PDB file of all heavy atoms in Angstrom:
ATOM      1  N   PHE A   1      -2.678  14.516   9.348  1.00  0.00           N
ATOM      2  CA  PHE A   1      -2.387  13.368  10.204  1.00  0.00           C
ATOM      3  C   PHE A   1      -0.885  13.343  10.500  1.00  0.00           C
ATOM      4  O   PHE A   1      -0.059  13.410   9.584  1.00  0.00           O
ATOM      5  CB  PHE A   1      -2.804  12.063   9.536  1.00  0.00           C
ATOM      6  CG  PHE A   1      -4.291  11.885   9.432  1.00  0.00           C
ATOM      7  CD1 PHE A   1      -4.934  11.949   8.206  1.00  0.00           C
ATOM      8  CD2 PHE A   1      -5.058  11.659  10.561  1.00  0.00           C
ATOM      9  CE1 PHE A   1      -6.311  11.793   8.096  1.00  0.00           C
ATOM     10  CE2 PHE A   1      -6.442  11.505  10.477  1.00  0.00           C
ATOM     11  CZ  PHE A   1      -7.059  11.570   9.240  1.00  0.00           C
ATOM     12  N   THR A   2      -0.547  13.231  11.772  1.00  0.00           N
ATOM     13  CA  THR A   2       0.854  13.201  12.195  1.00  0.00           C
ATOM     14  C   THR A   2       1.424  11.811  11.976  1.00  0.00           C
ATOM     15  O   THR A   2       0.780  10.811  12.333  1.00  0.00           O
ATOM     16  CB  THR A   2       0.968  13.578  13.680  1.00  0.00           C
ATOM     17  OG1 THR A   2       0.393  14.871  13.873  1.00  0.00           O
ATOM     18  CG2 THR A   2       2.425  13.604  14.129  1.00  0.00           C
ATOM     19  N   PRO A   3       2.610  11.692  11.391  1.00  0.00           N
ATOM     20  CA  PRO A   3       3.172  10.360  11.148  1.00  0.00           C
ATOM     21  C   PRO A   3       3.554   9.644  12.441  1.00  0.00           C
ATOM     22  O   PRO A   3       3.934  10.275  13.430  1.00  0.00           O
ATOM     23  CB  PRO A   3       4.418  10.659  10.301  1.00  0.00           C
ATOM     24  CG  PRO A   3       4.801  12.055  10.669  1.00  0.00           C
ATOM     25  CD  PRO A   3       3.505  12.770  10.928  1.00  0.00           C
ATOM     26  N   ASP A   4       3.441   8.330  12.420  1.00  0.00           N
ATOM     27  CA  ASP A   4       3.930   7.510  13.534  1.00  0.00           C
ATOM     28  C   ASP A   4       5.452   7.481  13.537  1.00  0.00           C
ATOM     29  O   ASP A   4       6.072   7.388  14.599  1.00  0.00           O
ATOM     30  CB  ASP A   4       3.375   6.087  13.408  1.00  0.00           C
ATOM     31  CG  ASP A   4       1.859   6.063  13.446  1.00  0.00           C
ATOM     32  OD1 ASP A   4       1.290   6.153  14.552  1.00  0.00           O
ATOM     33  OD2 ASP A   4       1.235   5.980  12.370  1.00  0.00           O
ATOM     34  N   TYR A   5       6.028   7.565  12.344  1.00  0.00           N
ATOM     35  CA  TYR A   5       7.488   7.577  12.200  1.00  0.00           C
ATOM     36  C   TYR A   5       7.825   8.716  11.251  1.00  0.00           C
ATOM     37  O   TYR A   5       7.520   8.657  10.066  1.00  0.00           O
ATOM     38  CB  TYR A   5       7.999   6.242  11.653  1.00  0.00           C
ATOM     39  CG  TYR A   5       7.675   5.081  12.566  1.00  0.00           C
ATOM     40  CD1 TYR A   5       6.481   4.361  12.408  1.00  0.00           C
ATOM     41  CD2 TYR A   5       8.536   4.721  13.604  1.00  0.00           C
ATOM     42  CE1 TYR A   5       6.164   3.315  13.256  1.00  0.00           C
ATOM     43  CE2 TYR A   5       8.213   3.668  14.456  1.00  0.00           C
ATOM     44  CZ  TYR A   5       7.028   2.981  14.283  1.00  0.00           C
ATOM     45  OH  TYR A   5       6.715   1.946  15.118  1.00  0.00           O
ATOM     46  N   GLU A   6       8.405   9.775  11.785  1.00  0.00           N
ATOM     47  CA  GLU A   6       8.670  10.962  10.991  1.00  0.00           C
ATOM     48  C   GLU A   6       9.995  10.853  10.256  1.00  0.00           C
ATOM     49  O   GLU A   6      11.051  10.708  10.873  1.00  0.00           O
ATOM     50  CB  GLU A   6       8.670  12.220  11.864  1.00  0.00           C
ATOM     51  CG  GLU A   6       8.804  13.500  11.052  1.00  0.00           C
ATOM     52  CD  GLU A   6       8.441  14.748  11.823  1.00  0.00           C
ATOM     53  OE1 GLU A   6       8.136  14.634  13.031  1.00  0.00           O
ATOM     54  OE2 GLU A   6       8.444  15.826  11.212  1.00  0.00           O
ATOM     55  N   ILE A   7       9.919  10.917   8.946  1.00  0.00           N
ATOM     56  CA  ILE A   7      11.097  10.918   8.081  1.00  0.00           C
ATOM     57  C   ILE A   7      10.833  11.909   6.958  1.00  0.00           C
ATOM     58  O   ILE A   7       9.864  11.774   6.222  1.00  0.00           O
ATOM     59  CB  ILE A   7      11.384   9.530   7.473  1.00  0.00           C
ATOM     60  CG1 ILE A   7      11.572   8.474   8.562  1.00  0.00           C
ATOM     61  CG2 ILE A   7      12.626   9.585   6.579  1.00  0.00           C
ATOM     62  CD1 ILE A   7      11.683   7.055   8.015  1.00  0.00           C
ATOM     63  N   ASN A   8      11.688  12.889   6.812  1.00  0.00           N
ATOM     64  CA  ASN A   8      11.585  13.847   5.714  1.00  0.00           C
ATOM     65  C   ASN A   8      12.443  13.330   4.569  1.00  0.00           C
ATOM     66  O   ASN A   8      13.673  13.343   4.657  1.00  0.00           O
ATOM     67  CB  ASN A   8      12.063  15.229   6.167  1.00  0.00           C
ATOM     68  CG  ASN A   8      11.874  16.291   5.096  1.00  0.00           C
ATOM     69  OD1 ASN A   8      11.762  15.999   3.909  1.00  0.00           O
ATOM     70  ND2 ASN A   8      11.851  17.544   5.516  1.00  0.00           N
ATOM     71  N   GLU A   9      11.812  12.855   3.504  1.00  0.00           N
ATOM     72  CA  GLU A   9      12.566  12.252   2.410  1.00  0.00           C
ATOM     73  C   GLU A   9      13.498  13.242   1.726  1.00  0.00           C
ATOM     74  O   GLU A   9      14.464  12.853   1.081  1.00  0.00           O
ATOM     75  CB  GLU A   9      11.633  11.642   1.374  1.00  0.00           C
ATOM     76  CG  GLU A   9      10.810  12.653   0.593  1.00  0.00           C
ATOM     77  CD  GLU A   9      10.117  12.020  -0.605  1.00  0.00           C
ATOM     78  OE1 GLU A   9      10.430  10.857  -0.925  1.00  0.00           O
ATOM     79  OE2 GLU A   9       9.280  12.701  -1.221  1.00  0.00           O
ATOM     80  N   ASN A  10      13.192  14.533   1.851  1.00  0.00           N
ATOM     81  CA  ASN A  10      14.033  15.539   1.219  1.00  0.00           C
ATOM     82  C   ASN A  10      15.290  15.853   2.028  1.00  0.00           C
ATOM     83  O   ASN A  10      16.278  16.332   1.475  1.00  0.00           O
ATOM     84  CB  ASN A  10      13.237  16.836   1.008  1.00  0.00           C
ATOM     85  CG  ASN A  10      12.068  16.639   0.073  1.00  0.00           C
ATOM     86  OD1 ASN A  10      12.158  15.887  -0.892  1.00  0.00           O
ATOM     87  ND2 ASN A  10      10.961  17.305   0.359  1.00  0.00           N
ATOM     88  N   GLN A  11      15.235  15.586   3.322  1.00  0.00           N
ATOM     89  CA  GLN A  11      16.374  15.843   4.205  1.00  0.00           C
ATOM     90  C   GLN A  11      16.455  14.749   5.266  1.00  0.00           C
ATOM     91  O   GLN A  11      16.367  15.020   6.462  1.00  0.00           O
ATOM     92  CB  GLN A  11      16.229  17.219   4.862  1.00  0.00           C
ATOM     93  CG  GLN A  11      16.178  18.376   3.874  1.00  0.00           C
ATOM     94  CD  GLN A  11      15.644  19.648   4.501  1.00  0.00           C
ATOM     95  OE1 GLN A  11      14.609  19.640   5.158  1.00  0.00           O
ATOM     96  NE2 GLN A  11      16.360  20.741   4.306  1.00  0.00           N
ATOM     97  N   PRO A  12      16.615  13.496   4.866  1.00  0.00           N
ATOM     98  CA  PRO A  12      16.519  12.388   5.828  1.00  0.00           C
ATOM     99  C   PRO A  12      17.653  12.338   6.839  1.00  0.00           C
ATOM    100  O   PRO A  12      17.498  11.769   7.917  1.00  0.00           O
ATOM    101  CB  PRO A  12      16.533  11.145   4.930  1.00  0.00           C
ATOM    102  CG  PRO A  12      17.281  11.584   3.716  1.00  0.00           C
ATOM    103  CD  PRO A  12      16.899  13.021   3.513  1.00  0.00           C
ATOM    104  N   ASN A  13      18.783  12.917   6.512  1.00  0.00           N
ATOM    105  CA  ASN A  13      19.947  12.817   7.397  1.00  0.00           C
ATOM    106  C   ASN A  13      20.425  14.176   7.882  1.00  0.00           C
ATOM    107  O   ASN A  13      21.564  14.328   8.295  1.00  0.00           O
ATOM    108  CB  ASN A  13      21.098  12.095   6.679  1.00  0.00           C
ATOM    109  CG  ASN A  13      20.743  10.663   6.352  1.00  0.00           C
ATOM    110  OD1 ASN A  13      20.323   9.910   7.224  1.00  0.00           O
ATOM    111  ND2 ASN A  13      20.865  10.286   5.092  1.00  0.00           N
ATOM    112  N   GLY A  14      19.550  15.180   7.817  1.00  0.00           N
ATOM    113  CA  GLY A  14      19.977  16.485   8.276  1.00  0.00           C
ATOM    114  C   GLY A  14      19.501  17.596   7.379  1.00  0.00           C
ATOM    115  O   GLY A  14      18.377  17.590   6.872  1.00  0.00           O
ATOM    116  N   GLU A  15      20.372  18.548   7.111  1.00  0.00           N
ATOM    117  CA  GLU A  15      19.983  19.777   6.445  1.00  0.00           C
ATOM    118  C   GLU A  15      19.919  19.658   4.934  1.00  0.00           C
ATOM    119  O   GLU A  15      19.142  20.350   4.278  1.00  0.00           O
ATOM    120  CB  GLU A  15      20.989  20.879   6.807  1.00  0.00           C
ATOM    121  CG  GLU A  15      20.678  22.241   6.220  1.00  0.00           C
ATOM    122  CD  GLU A  15      21.712  23.292   6.609  1.00  0.00           C
ATOM    123  OE1 GLU A  15      22.698  22.924   7.283  1.00  0.00           O
ATOM    124  OE2 GLU A  15      21.542  24.457   6.216  1.00  0.00           O
ATOM    125  N   TYR A  16      20.697  18.765   4.336  1.00  0.00           N
ATOM    126  CA  TYR A  16      20.896  18.806   2.891  1.00  0.00           C
ATOM    127  C   TYR A  16      20.124  17.723   2.149  1.00  0.00           C
ATOM    128  O   TYR A  16      19.858  16.635   2.663  1.00  0.00           O
ATOM    129  CB  TYR A  16      22.390  18.692   2.564  1.00  0.00           C
ATOM    130  CG  TYR A  16      23.206  19.772   3.212  1.00  0.00           C
ATOM    131  CD1 TYR A  16      24.200  19.464   4.125  1.00  0.00           C
ATOM    132  CD2 TYR A  16      22.951  21.112   2.926  1.00  0.00           C
ATOM    133  CE1 TYR A  16      24.934  20.462   4.739  1.00  0.00           C
ATOM    134  CE2 TYR A  16      23.672  22.118   3.535  1.00  0.00           C
ATOM    135  CZ  TYR A  16      24.664  21.792   4.452  1.00  0.00           C
ATOM    136  OH  TYR A  16      25.379  22.777   5.063  1.00  0.00           O
ATOM    137  N   PHE A  17      19.799  18.048   0.906  1.00  0.00           N
ATOM    138  CA  PHE A  17      19.114  17.100   0.026  1.00  0.00           C
ATOM    139  C   PHE A  17      20.129  16.099  -0.517  1.00  0.00           C
ATOM    140  O   PHE A  17      21.213  16.478  -0.963  1.00  0.00           O
ATOM    141  CB  PHE A  17      18.466  17.863  -1.130  1.00  0.00           C
ATOM    142  CG  PHE A  17      17.740  16.986  -2.109  1.00  0.00           C
ATOM    143  CD1 PHE A  17      16.539  16.400  -1.766  1.00  0.00           C
ATOM    144  CD2 PHE A  17      18.260  16.755  -3.370  1.00  0.00           C
ATOM    145  CE1 PHE A  17      15.860  15.595  -2.666  1.00  0.00           C
ATOM    146  CE2 PHE A  17      17.592  15.960  -4.279  1.00  0.00           C
ATOM    147  CZ  PHE A  17      16.384  15.372  -3.928  1.00  0.00           C
ATOM    148  N   GLU A  18      19.749  14.815  -0.500  1.00  0.00           N
ATOM    149  CA  GLU A  18      20.680  13.769  -0.909  1.00  0.00           C
ATOM    150  C   GLU A  18      20.181  12.957  -2.099  1.00  0.00           C
ATOM    151  O   GLU A  18      20.712  11.883  -2.388  1.00  0.00           O
ATOM    152  CB  GLU A  18      20.953  12.825   0.275  1.00  0.00           C
ATOM    153  CG  GLU A  18      21.594  13.523   1.466  1.00  0.00           C
ATOM    154  CD  GLU A  18      21.822  12.580   2.631  1.00  0.00           C
ATOM    155  OE1 GLU A  18      21.481  11.385   2.500  1.00  0.00           O
ATOM    156  OE2 GLU A  18      22.334  13.035   3.662  1.00  0.00           O
ATOM    157  N   GLY A  19      19.155  13.432  -2.766  1.00  0.00           N
ATOM    158  CA  GLY A  19      18.626  12.681  -3.896  1.00  0.00           C
ATOM    159  C   GLY A  19      17.518  11.741  -3.459  1.00  0.00           C
ATOM    160  O   GLY A  19      17.202  11.610  -2.276  1.00  0.00           O
ATOM    161  N   TYR A  20      16.889  11.096  -4.429  1.00  0.00           N
ATOM    162  CA  TYR A  20      15.816  10.142  -4.158  1.00  0.00           C
ATOM    163  C   TYR A  20      16.237   8.737  -4.537  1.00  0.00           C
ATOM    164  O   TYR A  20      16.831   8.515  -5.598  1.00  0.00           O
ATOM    165  CB  TYR A  20      14.556  10.494  -4.958  1.00  0.00           C
ATOM    166  CG  TYR A  20      13.838  11.736  -4.505  1.00  0.00           C
ATOM    167  CD1 TYR A  20      13.415  12.685  -5.435  1.00  0.00           C
ATOM    168  CD2 TYR A  20      13.558  11.963  -3.162  1.00  0.00           C
ATOM    169  CE1 TYR A  20      12.737  13.824  -5.038  1.00  0.00           C
ATOM    170  CE2 TYR A  20      12.891  13.102  -2.753  1.00  0.00           C
ATOM    171  CZ  TYR A  20      12.481  14.039  -3.687  1.00  0.00           C
ATOM    172  OH  TYR A  20      11.811  15.161  -3.284  1.00  0.00           O
ATOM    173  N   GLY A  21      15.902   7.776  -3.678  1.00  0.00           N
ATOM    174  CA  GLY A  21      16.081   6.378  -4.034  1.00  0.00           C
ATOM    175  C   GLY A  21      14.932   5.904  -4.899  1.00  0.00           C
ATOM    176  O   GLY A  21      13.855   6.496  -4.918  1.00  0.00           O
ATOM    177  N   ASP A  22      15.136   4.817  -5.620  1.00  0.00           N
ATOM    178  CA  ASP A  22      14.084   4.271  -6.477  1.00  0.00           C
ATOM    179  C   ASP A  22      12.915   3.772  -5.636  1.00  0.00           C
ATOM    180  O   ASP A  22      13.084   3.279  -4.515  1.00  0.00           O
ATOM    181  CB  ASP A  22      14.629   3.111  -7.317  1.00  0.00           C
ATOM    182  CG  ASP A  22      15.597   3.576  -8.386  1.00  0.00           C
ATOM    183  OD1 ASP A  22      15.514   4.759  -8.776  1.00  0.00           O
ATOM    184  OD2 ASP A  22      16.421   2.753  -8.829  1.00  0.00           O
ATOM    185  N   PHE A  23      11.725   3.867  -6.207  1.00  0.00           N
ATOM    186  CA  PHE A  23      10.548   3.297  -5.552  1.00  0.00           C
ATOM    187  C   PHE A  23      10.764   1.808  -5.299  1.00  0.00           C
ATOM    188  O   PHE A  23      11.267   1.078  -6.154  1.00  0.00           O
ATOM    189  CB  PHE A  23       9.303   3.472  -6.421  1.00  0.00           C
ATOM    190  CG  PHE A  23       8.797   4.881  -6.513  1.00  0.00           C
ATOM    191  CD1 PHE A  23       8.567   5.473  -7.753  1.00  0.00           C
ATOM    192  CD2 PHE A  23       8.524   5.622  -5.373  1.00  0.00           C
ATOM    193  CE1 PHE A  23       8.076   6.770  -7.851  1.00  0.00           C
ATOM    194  CE2 PHE A  23       8.033   6.917  -5.462  1.00  0.00           C
ATOM    195  CZ  PHE A  23       7.810   7.493  -6.698  1.00  0.00           C
ATOM    196  N   GLY A  24      10.342   1.365  -4.116  1.00  0.00           N
ATOM    197  CA  GLY A  24      10.372  -0.058  -3.814  1.00  0.00           C
ATOM    198  C   GLY A  24      11.750  -0.625  -3.556  1.00  0.00           C
ATOM    199  O   GLY A  24      11.953  -1.834  -3.664  1.00  0.00           O
ATOM    200  N   THR A  25      12.697   0.234  -3.200  1.00  0.00           N
ATOM    201  CA  THR A  25      14.040  -0.223  -2.839  1.00  0.00           C
ATOM    202  C   THR A  25      14.406   0.384  -1.488  1.00  0.00           C
ATOM    203  O   THR A  25      13.854   1.405  -1.074  1.00  0.00           O
ATOM    204  CB  THR A  25      15.090   0.199  -3.878  1.00  0.00           C
ATOM    205  OG1 THR A  25      15.267   1.633  -3.818  1.00  0.00           O
ATOM    206  CG2 THR A  25      14.667  -0.203  -5.286  1.00  0.00           C
ATOM    207  N   GLU A  26      15.360  -0.229  -0.833  1.00  0.00           N
ATOM    208  CA  GLU A  26      15.739   0.249   0.488  1.00  0.00           C
ATOM    209  C   GLU A  26      16.643   1.474   0.430  1.00  0.00           C
ATOM    210  O   GLU A  26      17.085   1.969   1.477  1.00  0.00           O
ATOM    211  CB  GLU A  26      16.367  -0.891   1.288  1.00  0.00           C
ATOM    212  CG  GLU A  26      15.325  -1.952   1.633  1.00  0.00           C
ATOM    213  CD  GLU A  26      15.868  -3.128   2.432  1.00  0.00           C
ATOM    214  OE1 GLU A  26      17.028  -3.050   2.881  1.00  0.00           O
ATOM    215  OE2 GLU A  26      15.125  -4.108   2.611  1.00  0.00           O
ATOM    216  N   SER A  27      16.901   1.988  -0.783  1.00  0.00           N
ATOM    217  CA  SER A  27      17.562   3.282  -0.902  1.00  0.00           C
ATOM    218  C   SER A  27      16.573   4.426  -0.691  1.00  0.00           C
ATOM    219  O   SER A  27      16.965   5.584  -0.601  1.00  0.00           O
ATOM    220  CB  SER A  27      18.241   3.427  -2.269  1.00  0.00           C
ATOM    221  OG  SER A  27      17.289   3.362  -3.311  1.00  0.00           O
ATOM    222  N   ASP A  28      15.276   4.086  -0.625  1.00  0.00           N
ATOM    223  CA  ASP A  28      14.221   5.045  -0.299  1.00  0.00           C
ATOM    224  C   ASP A  28      13.953   4.931   1.203  1.00  0.00           C
ATOM    225  O   ASP A  28      13.484   3.893   1.674  1.00  0.00           O
ATOM    226  CB  ASP A  28      12.967   4.707  -1.095  1.00  0.00           C
ATOM    227  CG  ASP A  28      11.775   5.604  -0.770  1.00  0.00           C
ATOM    228  OD1 ASP A  28      11.852   6.371   0.215  1.00  0.00           O
ATOM    229  OD2 ASP A  28      10.781   5.539  -1.507  1.00  0.00           O
ATOM    230  N   PRO A  29      14.235   5.971   1.991  1.00  0.00           N
ATOM    231  CA  PRO A  29      14.154   5.836   3.453  1.00  0.00           C
ATOM    232  C   PRO A  29      12.756   5.549   3.982  1.00  0.00           C
ATOM    233  O   PRO A  29      12.621   4.859   4.997  1.00  0.00           O
ATOM    234  CB  PRO A  29      14.676   7.192   3.958  1.00  0.00           C
ATOM    235  CG  PRO A  29      14.498   8.136   2.820  1.00  0.00           C
ATOM    236  CD  PRO A  29      14.702   7.314   1.585  1.00  0.00           C
ATOM    237  N   LEU A  30      11.696   6.030   3.306  1.00  0.00           N
ATOM    238  CA  LEU A  30      10.348   5.755   3.793  1.00  0.00           C
ATOM    239  C   LEU A  30       9.978   4.300   3.559  1.00  0.00           C
ATOM    240  O   LEU A  30       9.436   3.625   4.442  1.00  0.00           O
ATOM    241  CB  LEU A  30       9.332   6.683   3.117  1.00  0.00           C
ATOM    242  CG  LEU A  30       9.163   8.085   3.729  1.00  0.00           C
ATOM    243  CD1 LEU A  30      10.424   8.915   3.557  1.00  0.00           C
ATOM    244  CD2 LEU A  30       7.955   8.806   3.125  1.00  0.00           C
ATOM    245  N   TYR A  31      10.264   3.815   2.363  1.00  0.00           N
ATOM    246  CA  TYR A  31      10.013   2.401   2.071  1.00  0.00           C
ATOM    247  C   TYR A  31      10.857   1.512   2.973  1.00  0.00           C
ATOM    248  O   TYR A  31      10.370   0.495   3.499  1.00  0.00           O
ATOM    249  CB  TYR A  31      10.321   2.118   0.605  1.00  0.00           C
ATOM    250  CG  TYR A  31      10.141   0.678   0.193  1.00  0.00           C
ATOM    251  CD1 TYR A  31       8.883   0.188  -0.166  1.00  0.00           C
ATOM    252  CD2 TYR A  31      11.220  -0.201   0.167  1.00  0.00           C
ATOM    253  CE1 TYR A  31       8.713  -1.141  -0.550  1.00  0.00           C
ATOM    254  CE2 TYR A  31      11.061  -1.528  -0.203  1.00  0.00           C
ATOM    255  CZ  TYR A  31       9.798  -1.990  -0.561  1.00  0.00           C
ATOM    256  OH  TYR A  31       9.643  -3.309  -0.925  1.00  0.00           O
ATOM    257  N   ALA A  32      12.121   1.886   3.169  1.00  0.00           N
ATOM    258  CA  ALA A  32      13.019   1.091   4.012  1.00  0.00           C
ATOM    259  C   ALA A  32      12.492   0.998   5.435  1.00  0.00           C
ATOM    260  O   ALA A  32      12.594  -0.062   6.086  1.00  0.00           O
ATOM    261  CB  ALA A  32      14.421   1.690   3.994  1.00  0.00           C
ATOM    262  N   LYS A  33      11.926   2.096   5.936  1.00  0.00           N
ATOM    263  CA  LYS A  33      11.376   2.069   7.291  1.00  0.00           C
ATOM    264  C   LYS A  33      10.192   1.119   7.371  1.00  0.00           C
ATOM    265  O   LYS A  33      10.067   0.356   8.350  1.00  0.00           O
ATOM    266  CB  LYS A  33      10.943   3.479   7.702  1.00  0.00           C
ATOM    267  CG  LYS A  33      10.388   3.563   9.126  1.00  0.00           C
ATOM    268  CD  LYS A  33      11.434   3.160  10.155  1.00  0.00           C
ATOM    269  CE  LYS A  33      10.894   3.247  11.568  1.00  0.00           C
ATOM    270  NZ  LYS A  33      11.909   2.826  12.583  1.00  0.00           N
ATOM    271  N   ALA A  34       9.327   1.137   6.365  1.00  0.00           N
ATOM    272  CA  ALA A  34       8.191   0.213   6.359  1.00  0.00           C
ATOM    273  C   ALA A  34       8.667  -1.229   6.348  1.00  0.00           C
ATOM    274  O   ALA A  34       8.139  -2.078   7.080  1.00  0.00           O
ATOM    275  CB  ALA A  34       7.296   0.499   5.155  1.00  0.00           C
ATOM    276  N   ILE A  35       9.674  -1.516   5.535  1.00  0.00           N
ATOM    277  CA  ILE A  35      10.215  -2.882   5.479  1.00  0.00           C
ATOM    278  C   ILE A  35      10.795  -3.293   6.825  1.00  0.00           C
ATOM    279  O   ILE A  35      10.613  -4.427   7.290  1.00  0.00           O
ATOM    280  CB  ILE A  35      11.282  -2.995   4.371  1.00  0.00           C
ATOM    281  CG1 ILE A  35      10.641  -2.851   2.987  1.00  0.00           C
ATOM    282  CG2 ILE A  35      12.053  -4.309   4.478  1.00  0.00           C
ATOM    283  CD1 ILE A  35       9.667  -3.961   2.637  1.00  0.00           C
ATOM    284  N   SER A  36      11.468  -2.357   7.495  1.00  0.00           N
ATOM    285  CA  SER A  36      12.058  -2.691   8.794  1.00  0.00           C
ATOM    286  C   SER A  36      10.983  -2.975   9.831  1.00  0.00           C
ATOM    287  O   SER A  36      11.143  -3.853  10.689  1.00  0.00           O
ATOM    288  CB  SER A  36      12.977  -1.565   9.270  1.00  0.00           C
ATOM    289  OG  SER A  36      12.243  -0.427   9.680  1.00  0.00           O
ATOM    290  N   LEU A  37       9.873  -2.242   9.773  1.00  0.00           N
ATOM    291  CA  LEU A  37       8.779  -2.489  10.711  1.00  0.00           C
ATOM    292  C   LEU A  37       8.108  -3.831  10.438  1.00  0.00           C
ATOM    293  O   LEU A  37       7.692  -4.527  11.369  1.00  0.00           O
ATOM    294  CB  LEU A  37       7.755  -1.354  10.613  1.00  0.00           C
ATOM    295  CG  LEU A  37       8.225   0.026  11.090  1.00  0.00           C
ATOM    296  CD1 LEU A  37       7.198   1.091  10.724  1.00  0.00           C
ATOM    297  CD2 LEU A  37       8.476   0.019  12.592  1.00  0.00           C
ATOM    298  N   ILE A  38       7.988  -4.175   9.166  1.00  0.00           N
ATOM    299  CA  ILE A  38       7.374  -5.453   8.808  1.00  0.00           C
ATOM    300  C   ILE A  38       8.268  -6.624   9.186  1.00  0.00           C
ATOM    301  O   ILE A  38       7.820  -7.623   9.751  1.00  0.00           O
ATOM    302  CB  ILE A  38       7.054  -5.479   7.298  1.00  0.00           C
ATOM    303  CG1 ILE A  38       5.943  -4.484   6.973  1.00  0.00           C
ATOM    304  CG2 ILE A  38       6.659  -6.886   6.843  1.00  0.00           C
ATOM    305  CD1 ILE A  38       5.744  -4.240   5.485  1.00  0.00           C
ATOM    306  N   SER A  39       9.552  -6.502   8.891  1.00  0.00           N
ATOM    307  CA  SER A  39      10.486  -7.610   9.107  1.00  0.00           C
ATOM    308  C   SER A  39      10.988  -7.694  10.539  1.00  0.00           C
ATOM    309  O   SER A  39      11.458  -8.748  10.982  1.00  0.00           O
ATOM    310  CB  SER A  39      11.689  -7.475   8.167  1.00  0.00           C
ATOM    311  OG  SER A  39      12.444  -6.308   8.496  1.00  0.00           O
ATOM    312  N   GLY A  40      10.895  -6.567  11.257  1.00  0.00           N
ATOM    313  CA  GLY A  40      11.417  -6.549  12.620  1.00  0.00           C
ATOM    314  C   GLY A  40      12.913  -6.393  12.696  1.00  0.00           C
ATOM    315  O   GLY A  40      13.502  -6.477  13.781  1.00  0.00           O
ATOM    316  N   SER A  41      13.537  -6.178  11.556  1.00  0.00           N
ATOM    317  CA  SER A  41      14.995  -6.022  11.522  1.00  0.00           C
ATOM    318  C   SER A  41      15.346  -4.601  11.137  1.00  0.00           C
ATOM    319  O   SER A  41      14.582  -3.920  10.447  1.00  0.00           O
ATOM    320  CB  SER A  41      15.628  -6.997  10.537  1.00  0.00           C
ATOM    321  OG  SER A  41      15.140  -6.761   9.234  1.00  0.00           O
ATOM    322  N   LYS A  42      16.509  -4.153  11.553  1.00  0.00           N
ATOM    323  CA  LYS A  42      16.952  -2.800  11.250  1.00  0.00           C
ATOM    324  C   LYS A  42      17.440  -2.731   9.813  1.00  0.00           C
ATOM    325  O   LYS A  42      18.214  -3.568   9.365  1.00  0.00           O
ATOM    326  CB  LYS A  42      18.067  -2.376  12.202  1.00  0.00           C
ATOM    327  CG  LYS A  42      18.510  -0.938  12.024  1.00  0.00           C
ATOM    328  CD  LYS A  42      19.541  -0.539  13.065  1.00  0.00           C
ATOM    329  CE  LYS A  42      19.963   0.920  12.889  1.00  0.00           C
ATOM    330  NZ  LYS A  42      20.954   1.340  13.901  1.00  0.00           N
ATOM    331  N   VAL A  43      16.974  -1.726   9.101  1.00  0.00           N
ATOM    332  CA  VAL A  43      17.418  -1.504   7.729  1.00  0.00           C
ATOM    333  C   VAL A  43      18.181  -0.191   7.702  1.00  0.00           C
ATOM    334  O   VAL A  43      17.678   0.843   8.126  1.00  0.00           O
ATOM    335  CB  VAL A  43      16.231  -1.453   6.752  1.00  0.00           C
ATOM    336  CG1 VAL A  43      16.706  -1.110   5.350  1.00  0.00           C
ATOM    337  CG2 VAL A  43      15.491  -2.780   6.750  1.00  0.00           C
TER     338      VAL A  43
END
């Protein structure tokens, strides 16, 4: 299944790995995107 919003957690900002944010925090780019879609605000 193709994502509606494509984000590669291993390389969210380009070529390099930047570590993982904690589950359920906005330091995790996938979770942060879901929160932004729910809230309607940019995260």
